Amino acid sequence: MFGLQSIPLINDQALYLLLNYGPIFIIAAYFSTPHFKKVLHAVERNTKMSVALVYTFFYVAVFFGSVAYLVDSTYNPFLYFRF
């Protein structure tokens, strides 16, 4: 179960997935805590930026991050290449 037999605990595929999806997992874990909401309210109180501007920036950053991960993913040949 933990790789104590012939399969190691951390192999090349596990390291690849951890390096590629680890930052997304850490960011998702942070945004799922109530600390993010406290920070958002503190930014709203201390600056004159509206919440809509912060949300817009956040959504644009998530969009570009998603596109970057899609571009960085493994090679996928054209679907109809074999036909």
PDB file of N, CA and C in Angstrom:
ATOM      1  N   MET A   1       0.817  -1.195   0.000  1.00  0.00           N
ATOM      2  CA  MET A   1       0.000   0.000   0.000  1.00  0.00           C
ATOM      3  C   MET A   1       0.863   1.261   0.000  1.00  0.00           C
ATOM      4  N   PHE A   2       1.955   1.238   0.693  1.00  0.00           N
ATOM      5  CA  PHE A   2       2.804   2.419   0.754  1.00  0.00           C
ATOM      6  C   PHE A   2       4.103   2.246  -0.011  1.00  0.00           C
ATOM      7  N   GLY A   3       4.162   1.307  -0.909  1.00  0.00           N
ATOM      8  CA  GLY A   3       5.335   1.143  -1.733  1.00  0.00           C
ATOM      9  C   GLY A   3       6.458   0.390  -1.069  1.00  0.00           C
ATOM     10  N   LEU A   4       6.172  -0.421  -0.108  1.00  0.00           N
ATOM     11  CA  LEU A   4       7.225  -1.150   0.573  1.00  0.00           C
ATOM     12  C   LEU A   4       7.591  -2.434  -0.142  1.00  0.00           C
ATOM     13  N   GLN A   5       6.857  -2.799  -1.159  1.00  0.00           N
ATOM     14  CA  GLN A   5       7.179  -4.005  -1.930  1.00  0.00           C
ATOM     15  C   GLN A   5       8.066  -3.607  -3.102  1.00  0.00           C
ATOM     16  N   SER A   6       7.711  -3.997  -4.280  1.00  0.00           N
ATOM     17  CA  SER A   6       8.559  -3.724  -5.441  1.00  0.00           C
ATOM     18  C   SER A   6       8.310  -2.351  -6.056  1.00  0.00           C
ATOM     19  N   ILE A   7       7.183  -1.717  -5.772  1.00  0.00           N
ATOM     20  CA  ILE A   7       6.861  -0.404  -6.336  1.00  0.00           C
ATOM     21  C   ILE A   7       7.253   0.665  -5.316  1.00  0.00           C
ATOM     22  N   PRO A   8       8.091   1.612  -5.705  1.00  0.00           N
ATOM     23  CA  PRO A   8       8.517   2.634  -4.737  1.00  0.00           C
ATOM     24  C   PRO A   8       7.382   3.597  -4.385  1.00  0.00           C
ATOM     25  N   LEU A   9       7.534   4.254  -3.246  1.00  0.00           N
ATOM     26  CA  LEU A   9       6.526   5.197  -2.772  1.00  0.00           C
ATOM     27  C   LEU A   9       6.413   6.394  -3.707  1.00  0.00           C
ATOM     28  N   ILE A  10       7.549   6.937  -4.112  1.00  0.00           N
ATOM     29  CA  ILE A  10       7.556   8.084  -5.025  1.00  0.00           C
ATOM     30  C   ILE A  10       8.341   7.686  -6.258  1.00  0.00           C
ATOM     31  N   ASN A  11       7.656   7.600  -7.379  1.00  0.00           N
ATOM     32  CA  ASN A  11       8.319   7.287  -8.641  1.00  0.00           C
ATOM     33  C   ASN A  11       8.314   8.527  -9.530  1.00  0.00           C
ATOM     34  N   ASP A  12       8.748   8.373 -10.759  1.00  0.00           N
ATOM     35  CA  ASP A  12       8.840   9.520 -11.667  1.00  0.00           C
ATOM     36  C   ASP A  12       7.483  10.129 -11.972  1.00  0.00           C
ATOM     37  N   GLN A  13       6.477   9.295 -12.119  1.00  0.00           N
ATOM     38  CA  GLN A  13       5.146   9.808 -12.418  1.00  0.00           C
ATOM     39  C   GLN A  13       4.589  10.589 -11.228  1.00  0.00           C
ATOM     40  N   ALA A  14       4.814  10.103 -10.025  1.00  0.00           N
ATOM     41  CA  ALA A  14       4.332  10.809  -8.839  1.00  0.00           C
ATOM     42  C   ALA A  14       5.021  12.158  -8.693  1.00  0.00           C
ATOM     43  N   LEU A  15       6.308  12.220  -8.952  1.00  0.00           N
ATOM     44  CA  LEU A  15       7.020  13.502  -8.888  1.00  0.00           C
ATOM     45  C   LEU A  15       6.527  14.464  -9.961  1.00  0.00           C
ATOM     46  N   TYR A  16       6.271  13.958 -11.148  1.00  0.00           N
ATOM     47  CA  TYR A  16       5.767  14.807 -12.231  1.00  0.00           C
ATOM     48  C   TYR A  16       4.410  15.411 -11.856  1.00  0.00           C
ATOM     49  N   LEU A  17       3.514  14.568 -11.350  1.00  0.00           N
ATOM     50  CA  LEU A  17       2.192  15.063 -10.973  1.00  0.00           C
ATOM     51  C   LEU A  17       2.267  16.018  -9.793  1.00  0.00           C
ATOM     52  N   LEU A  18       3.144  15.732  -8.841  1.00  0.00           N
ATOM     53  CA  LEU A  18       3.291  16.610  -7.687  1.00  0.00           C
ATOM     54  C   LEU A  18       3.836  17.969  -8.094  1.00  0.00           C
ATOM     55  N   LEU A  19       4.813  17.990  -8.984  1.00  0.00           N
ATOM     56  CA  LEU A  19       5.377  19.260  -9.426  1.00  0.00           C
ATOM     57  C   LEU A  19       4.401  20.054 -10.283  1.00  0.00           C
ATOM     58  N   ASN A  20       3.594  19.382 -11.085  1.00  0.00           N
ATOM     59  CA  ASN A  20       2.656  20.096 -11.947  1.00  0.00           C
ATOM     60  C   ASN A  20       1.398  20.533 -11.222  1.00  0.00           C
ATOM     61  N   TYR A  21       0.867  19.699 -10.359  1.00  0.00           N
ATOM     62  CA  TYR A  21      -0.405  20.010  -9.722  1.00  0.00           C
ATOM     63  C   TYR A  21      -0.284  20.380  -8.250  1.00  0.00           C
ATOM     64  N   GLY A  22       0.915  20.345  -7.711  1.00  0.00           N
ATOM     65  CA  GLY A  22       1.132  20.733  -6.320  1.00  0.00           C
ATOM     66  C   GLY A  22       0.760  22.192  -6.047  1.00  0.00           C
ATOM     67  N   PRO A  23       1.218  23.141  -6.895  1.00  0.00           N
ATOM     68  CA  PRO A  23       0.833  24.541  -6.649  1.00  0.00           C
ATOM     69  C   PRO A  23      -0.680  24.761  -6.699  1.00  0.00           C
ATOM     70  N   ILE A  24      -1.363  24.080  -7.605  1.00  0.00           N
ATOM     71  CA  ILE A  24      -2.823  24.223  -7.673  1.00  0.00           C
ATOM     72  C   ILE A  24      -3.461  23.690  -6.397  1.00  0.00           C
ATOM     73  N   PHE A  25      -2.960  22.570  -5.908  1.00  0.00           N
ATOM     74  CA  PHE A  25      -3.490  21.989  -4.671  1.00  0.00           C
ATOM     75  C   PHE A  25      -3.270  22.925  -3.492  1.00  0.00           C
ATOM     76  N   ILE A  26      -2.101  23.534  -3.397  1.00  0.00           N
ATOM     77  CA  ILE A  26      -1.806  24.455  -2.292  1.00  0.00           C
ATOM     78  C   ILE A  26      -2.680  25.697  -2.380  1.00  0.00           C
ATOM     79  N   ILE A  27      -2.847  26.247  -3.573  1.00  0.00           N
ATOM     80  CA  ILE A  27      -3.687  27.431  -3.744  1.00  0.00           C
ATOM     81  C   ILE A  27      -5.142  27.108  -3.422  1.00  0.00           C
ATOM     82  N   ALA A  28      -5.633  25.961  -3.878  1.00  0.00           N
ATOM     83  CA  ALA A  28      -7.013  25.558  -3.588  1.00  0.00           C
ATOM     84  C   ALA A  28      -7.213  25.343  -2.094  1.00  0.00           C
ATOM     85  N   ALA A  29      -6.222  24.786  -1.423  1.00  0.00           N
ATOM     86  CA  ALA A  29      -6.323  24.583   0.023  1.00  0.00           C
ATOM     87  C   ALA A  29      -6.375  25.925   0.741  1.00  0.00           C
ATOM     88  N   TYR A  30      -5.597  26.896   0.272  1.00  0.00           N
ATOM     89  CA  TYR A  30      -5.624  28.225   0.905  1.00  0.00           C
ATOM     90  C   TYR A  30      -6.968  28.912   0.685  1.00  0.00           C
ATOM     91  N   PHE A  31      -7.486  28.859  -0.528  1.00  0.00           N
ATOM     92  CA  PHE A  31      -8.745  29.529  -0.812  1.00  0.00           C
ATOM     93  C   PHE A  31      -9.936  28.849  -0.144  1.00  0.00           C
ATOM     94  N   SER A  32      -9.769  27.636   0.318  1.00  0.00           N
ATOM     95  CA  SER A  32     -10.863  26.958   1.016  1.00  0.00           C
ATOM     96  C   SER A  32     -10.882  27.269   2.506  1.00  0.00           C
ATOM     97  N   THR A  33      -9.940  28.053   2.980  1.00  0.00           N
ATOM     98  CA  THR A  33      -9.917  28.444   4.393  1.00  0.00           C
ATOM     99  C   THR A  33     -10.596  29.793   4.568  1.00  0.00           C
ATOM    100  N   PRO A  34     -11.037  30.105   5.777  1.00  0.00           N
ATOM    101  CA  PRO A  34     -11.666  31.416   6.003  1.00  0.00           C
ATOM    102  C   PRO A  34     -10.659  32.562   5.994  1.00  0.00           C
ATOM    103  N   HIS A  35      -9.377  32.266   5.997  1.00  0.00           N
ATOM    104  CA  HIS A  35      -8.368  33.331   6.003  1.00  0.00           C
ATOM    105  C   HIS A  35      -8.446  34.189   4.744  1.00  0.00           C
ATOM    106  N   PHE A  36      -8.747  33.590   3.606  1.00  0.00           N
ATOM    107  CA  PHE A  36      -8.850  34.349   2.354  1.00  0.00           C
ATOM    108  C   PHE A  36      -9.941  35.400   2.438  1.00  0.00           C
ATOM    109  N   LYS A  37     -11.079  35.062   3.030  1.00  0.00           N
ATOM    110  CA  LYS A  37     -12.179  36.022   3.155  1.00  0.00           C
ATOM    111  C   LYS A  37     -11.786  37.170   4.073  1.00  0.00           C
ATOM    112  N   LYS A  38     -11.037  36.866   5.130  1.00  0.00           N
ATOM    113  CA  LYS A  38     -10.562  37.924   6.023  1.00  0.00           C
ATOM    114  C   LYS A  38      -9.609  38.859   5.300  1.00  0.00           C
ATOM    115  N   VAL A  39      -8.739  38.297   4.493  1.00  0.00           N
ATOM    116  CA  VAL A  39      -7.799  39.119   3.731  1.00  0.00           C
ATOM    117  C   VAL A  39      -8.554  39.976   2.721  1.00  0.00           C
ATOM    118  N   LEU A  40      -9.559  39.436   2.090  1.00  0.00           N
ATOM    119  CA  LEU A  40     -10.359  40.187   1.128  1.00  0.00           C
ATOM    120  C   LEU A  40     -11.058  41.361   1.789  1.00  0.00           C
ATOM    121  N   HIS A  41     -11.617  41.142   2.963  1.00  0.00           N
ATOM    122  CA  HIS A  41     -12.269  42.236   3.686  1.00  0.00           C
ATOM    123  C   HIS A  41     -11.253  43.272   4.166  1.00  0.00           C
ATOM    124  N   ALA A  42     -10.063  42.846   4.547  1.00  0.00           N
ATOM    125  CA  ALA A  42      -9.033  43.791   4.960  1.00  0.00           C
ATOM    126  C   ALA A  42      -8.575  44.650   3.784  1.00  0.00           C
ATOM    127  N   VAL A  43      -8.438  44.064   2.620  1.00  0.00           N
ATOM    128  CA  VAL A  43      -8.058  44.830   1.431  1.00  0.00           C
ATOM    129  C   VAL A  43      -9.154  45.826   1.079  1.00  0.00           C
ATOM    130  N   GLU A  44     -10.391  45.405   1.228  1.00  0.00           N
ATOM    131  CA  GLU A  44     -11.518  46.303   0.918  1.00  0.00           C
ATOM    132  C   GLU A  44     -11.562  47.487   1.880  1.00  0.00           C
ATOM    133  N   ARG A  45     -11.287  47.254   3.143  1.00  0.00           N
ATOM    134  CA  ARG A  45     -11.316  48.339   4.122  1.00  0.00           C
ATOM    135  C   ARG A  45     -10.131  49.282   3.977  1.00  0.00           C
ATOM    136  N   ASN A  46      -8.942  48.742   3.712  1.00  0.00           N
ATOM    137  CA  ASN A  46      -7.733  49.561   3.697  1.00  0.00           C
ATOM    138  C   ASN A  46      -7.502  50.293   2.388  1.00  0.00           C
ATOM    139  N   THR A  47      -8.102  49.852   1.330  1.00  0.00           N
ATOM    140  CA  THR A  47      -7.934  50.529   0.047  1.00  0.00           C
ATOM    141  C   THR A  47      -9.298  50.943  -0.484  1.00  0.00           C
ATOM    142  N   LYS A  48      -9.271  51.714  -1.519  1.00  0.00           N
ATOM    143  CA  LYS A  48     -10.517  52.168  -2.126  1.00  0.00           C
ATOM    144  C   LYS A  48     -10.954  51.246  -3.270  1.00  0.00           C
ATOM    145  N   MET A  49     -10.253  50.108  -3.430  1.00  0.00           N
ATOM    146  CA  MET A  49     -10.633  49.175  -4.482  1.00  0.00           C
ATOM    147  C   MET A  49     -11.933  48.482  -4.106  1.00  0.00           C
ATOM    148  N   SER A  50     -12.766  48.280  -5.058  1.00  0.00           N
ATOM    149  CA  SER A  50     -14.010  47.580  -4.790  1.00  0.00           C
ATOM    150  C   SER A  50     -13.778  46.081  -4.843  1.00  0.00           C
ATOM    151  N   VAL A  51     -14.699  45.348  -4.289  1.00  0.00           N
ATOM    152  CA  VAL A  51     -14.611  43.899  -4.286  1.00  0.00           C
ATOM    153  C   VAL A  51     -14.718  43.365  -5.709  1.00  0.00           C
ATOM    154  N   ALA A  52     -15.487  44.028  -6.557  1.00  0.00           N
ATOM    155  CA  ALA A  52     -15.638  43.591  -7.942  1.00  0.00           C
ATOM    156  C   ALA A  52     -14.297  43.636  -8.676  1.00  0.00           C
ATOM    157  N   LEU A  53     -13.479  44.643  -8.388  1.00  0.00           N
ATOM    158  CA  LEU A  53     -12.170  44.740  -9.022  1.00  0.00           C
ATOM    159  C   LEU A  53     -11.256  43.610  -8.556  1.00  0.00           C
ATOM    160  N   VAL A  54     -11.315  43.282  -7.285  1.00  0.00           N
ATOM    161  CA  VAL A  54     -10.503  42.184  -6.749  1.00  0.00           C
ATOM    162  C   VAL A  54     -10.955  40.861  -7.353  1.00  0.00           C
ATOM    163  N   TYR A  55     -12.261  40.644  -7.432  1.00  0.00           N
ATOM    164  CA  TYR A  55     -12.783  39.416  -8.039  1.00  0.00           C
ATOM    165  C   TYR A  55     -12.404  39.318  -9.520  1.00  0.00           C
ATOM    166  N   THR A  56     -12.459  40.435 -10.227  1.00  0.00           N
ATOM    167  CA  THR A  56     -12.096  40.441 -11.637  1.00  0.00           C
ATOM    168  C   THR A  56     -10.631  40.063 -11.808  1.00  0.00           C
ATOM    169  N   PHE A  57      -9.765  40.640 -10.997  1.00  0.00           N
ATOM    170  CA  PHE A  57      -8.351  40.293 -11.051  1.00  0.00           C
ATOM    171  C   PHE A  57      -8.139  38.815 -10.739  1.00  0.00           C
ATOM    172  N   PHE A  58      -8.851  38.308  -9.752  1.00  0.00           N
ATOM    173  CA  PHE A  58      -8.737  36.908  -9.363  1.00  0.00           C
ATOM    174  C   PHE A  58      -9.173  35.986 -10.498  1.00  0.00           C
ATOM    175  N   TYR A  59     -10.301  36.292 -11.132  1.00  0.00           N
ATOM    176  CA  TYR A  59     -10.801  35.453 -12.215  1.00  0.00           C
ATOM    177  C   TYR A  59      -9.876  35.484 -13.427  1.00  0.00           C
ATOM    178  N   VAL A  60      -9.309  36.629 -13.727  1.00  0.00           N
ATOM    179  CA  VAL A  60      -8.362  36.724 -14.838  1.00  0.00           C
ATOM    180  C   VAL A  60      -7.106  35.909 -14.522  1.00  0.00           C
ATOM    181  N   ALA A  61      -6.622  35.974 -13.292  1.00  0.00           N
ATOM    182  CA  ALA A  61      -5.443  35.200 -12.903  1.00  0.00           C
ATOM    183  C   ALA A  61      -5.723  33.698 -12.968  1.00  0.00           C
ATOM    184  N   VAL A  62      -6.908  33.284 -12.538  1.00  0.00           N
ATOM    185  CA  VAL A  62      -7.269  31.866 -12.616  1.00  0.00           C
ATOM    186  C   VAL A  62      -7.379  31.421 -14.067  1.00  0.00           C
ATOM    187  N   PHE A  63      -7.940  32.266 -14.921  1.00  0.00           N
ATOM    188  CA  PHE A  63      -8.053  31.934 -16.341  1.00  0.00           C
ATOM    189  C   PHE A  63      -6.683  31.732 -16.970  1.00  0.00           C
ATOM    190  N   PHE A  64      -5.769  32.680 -16.744  1.00  0.00           N
ATOM    191  CA  PHE A  64      -4.444  32.558 -17.337  1.00  0.00           C
ATOM    192  C   PHE A  64      -3.665  31.390 -16.730  1.00  0.00           C
ATOM    193  N   GLY A  65      -3.858  31.117 -15.468  1.00  0.00           N
ATOM    194  CA  GLY A  65      -3.226  29.950 -14.860  1.00  0.00           C
ATOM    195  C   GLY A  65      -3.739  28.656 -15.452  1.00  0.00           C
ATOM    196  N   SER A  66      -5.042  28.593 -15.701  1.00  0.00           N
ATOM    197  CA  SER A  66      -5.626  27.399 -16.322  1.00  0.00           C
ATOM    198  C   SER A  66      -5.114  27.198 -17.738  1.00  0.00           C
ATOM    199  N   VAL A  67      -5.028  28.270 -18.491  1.00  0.00           N
ATOM    200  CA  VAL A  67      -4.514  28.168 -19.853  1.00  0.00           C
ATOM    201  C   VAL A  67      -3.048  27.738 -19.829  1.00  0.00           C
ATOM    202  N   ALA A  68      -2.280  28.249 -18.887  1.00  0.00           N
ATOM    203  CA  ALA A  68      -0.868  27.867 -18.796  1.00  0.00           C
ATOM    204  C   ALA A  68      -0.728  26.388 -18.477  1.00  0.00           C
ATOM    205  N   TYR A  69      -1.561  25.861 -17.599  1.00  0.00           N
ATOM    206  CA  TYR A  69      -1.496  24.436 -17.282  1.00  0.00           C
ATOM    207  C   TYR A  69      -1.968  23.579 -18.449  1.00  0.00           C
ATOM    208  N   LEU A  70      -2.925  24.062 -19.223  1.00  0.00           N
ATOM    209  CA  LEU A  70      -3.354  23.311 -20.400  1.00  0.00           C
ATOM    210  C   LEU A  70      -2.264  23.262 -21.467  1.00  0.00           C
ATOM    211  N   VAL A  71      -1.579  24.363 -21.649  1.00  0.00           N
ATOM    212  CA  VAL A  71      -0.518  24.417 -22.646  1.00  0.00           C
ATOM    213  C   VAL A  71       0.666  23.562 -22.196  1.00  0.00           C
ATOM    214  N   ASP A  72       0.926  23.524 -20.902  1.00  0.00           N
ATOM    215  CA  ASP A  72       2.069  22.797 -20.363  1.00  0.00           C
ATOM    216  C   ASP A  72       1.819  21.294 -20.252  1.00  0.00           C
ATOM    217  N   SER A  73       0.584  20.862 -20.439  1.00  0.00           N
ATOM    218  CA  SER A  73       0.269  19.442 -20.250  1.00  0.00           C
ATOM    219  C   SER A  73       0.956  18.587 -21.304  1.00  0.00           C
ATOM    220  N   THR A  74       0.830  17.304 -21.152  1.00  0.00           N
ATOM    221  CA  THR A  74       1.528  16.373 -22.031  1.00  0.00           C
ATOM    222  C   THR A  74       1.035  16.498 -23.460  1.00  0.00           C
ATOM    223  N   TYR A  75       1.795  15.925 -24.361  1.00  0.00           N
ATOM    224  CA  TYR A  75       1.483  15.999 -25.789  1.00  0.00           C
ATOM    225  C   TYR A  75       0.259  15.152 -26.102  1.00  0.00           C
ATOM    226  N   ASN A  76      -0.725  15.755 -26.737  1.00  0.00           N
ATOM    227  CA  ASN A  76      -1.928  15.050 -27.185  1.00  0.00           C
ATOM    228  C   ASN A  76      -2.034  15.221 -28.691  1.00  0.00           C
ATOM    229  N   PRO A  77      -1.866  14.131 -29.447  1.00  0.00           N
ATOM    230  CA  PRO A  77      -1.935  14.260 -30.901  1.00  0.00           C
ATOM    231  C   PRO A  77      -3.369  14.582 -31.348  1.00  0.00           C
ATOM    232  N   PHE A  78      -3.457  15.006 -32.562  1.00  0.00           N
ATOM    233  CA  PHE A  78      -4.758  15.332 -33.127  1.00  0.00           C
ATOM    234  C   PHE A  78      -5.670  14.114 -33.047  1.00  0.00           C
ATOM    235  N   LEU A  79      -6.910  14.333 -32.660  1.00  0.00           N
ATOM    236  CA  LEU A  79      -7.842  13.249 -32.392  1.00  0.00           C
ATOM    237  C   LEU A  79      -8.095  12.368 -33.611  1.00  0.00           C
ATOM    238  N   TYR A  80      -8.231  12.951 -34.774  1.00  0.00           N
ATOM    239  CA  TYR A  80      -8.562  12.201 -35.975  1.00  0.00           C
ATOM    240  C   TYR A  80      -7.334  11.827 -36.811  1.00  0.00           C
ATOM    241  N   PHE A  81      -6.174  11.836 -36.207  1.00  0.00           N
ATOM    242  CA  PHE A  81      -4.948  11.553 -36.946  1.00  0.00           C
ATOM    243  C   PHE A  81      -4.945  10.125 -37.482  1.00  0.00           C
ATOM    244  N   ARG A  82      -5.449   9.174 -36.725  1.00  0.00           N
ATOM    245  CA  ARG A  82      -5.418   7.771 -37.139  1.00  0.00           C
ATOM    246  C   ARG A  82      -6.504   7.425 -38.158  1.00  0.00           C
ATOM    247  N   PHE A  83      -7.497   8.275 -38.289  1.00  0.00           N
ATOM    248  CA  PHE A  83      -8.595   7.970 -39.211  1.00  0.00           C
ATOM    249  C   PHE A  83      -8.205   8.448 -40.547  1.00  0.00           C
TER     250      PHE A  83
END
